[in-house]
Amino acid sequence: MPVPDESVVRRVLAKDDLDAKIRLCIERAWDDLKAKYADRPRWRRKSTTRGLMWENSVEAVVVELEADKGVKPIGHYDTVSFIADDKVLFRLKKAASSLFTANFPTPLAGLFHAHRADLFGHDGHHRVEIVHVFNRFQTALDWIGVVAREKEEVIWQYELPNRGATVATLTPPKLPVGPASDAVLRPAVAADKKSNEADK
């Protein structure tokens, strides 16, 4: 199993804007969660938000990429991974600002970042995580990107592109309809002096 190569992963995920589509799915999942659970800030367990966010993100990506023959979801145990272009195996996760994810320390969770070992019968794939990072209050997404780790070390990372962003249209300024001198404000002192002279 190769240590993940950033250039390979970037190339595979950029094909047909796959990276931007995944980012959009994660952003939509967050928007849906906020809309559906307005009382979320009162929840005692912050892990509830993280769990629902993961479920929504995975479902959104599965639905979005259903017609994409180059990507297939792989269900195993209680999680889902995706294989893109038969080269990159990725999973969706929530990460801390350090870009580390937290898993219950099962043997399989530990093996995901030990690239000497193959997982789930899929060998030769570049294994990475596509993570979302909440702000410290868990009220907004701060970052969405790809993270490659080798055991306890982040070896590289990059943010997913936001190609779906709309460009704001600027309204041109109104052109003056008369001379600029008509629009100039005159000091009050000068105006009072003129009116006094006119009275004389």
Foldseek 3Di string as FASTA:
>chain_A
DDQADVVVVCVQCPVVVNLQQLVVQLQVLLVVLCVVCVVVLVDPDPVVVQVSSQVSSVVSSCVVCVVPPQKDWDDDDPAIWIGGNLAAIEGEAEAEPVRDGDDDPDVVVQCLQALVDDPPPRPNHHYWYFYWYADPSNPDTDFTWIFGHRRPGTPDIDGRDNVVDDDDDDDDDDDDPDDPVVVDDDDPVVVVVVVVVVVD
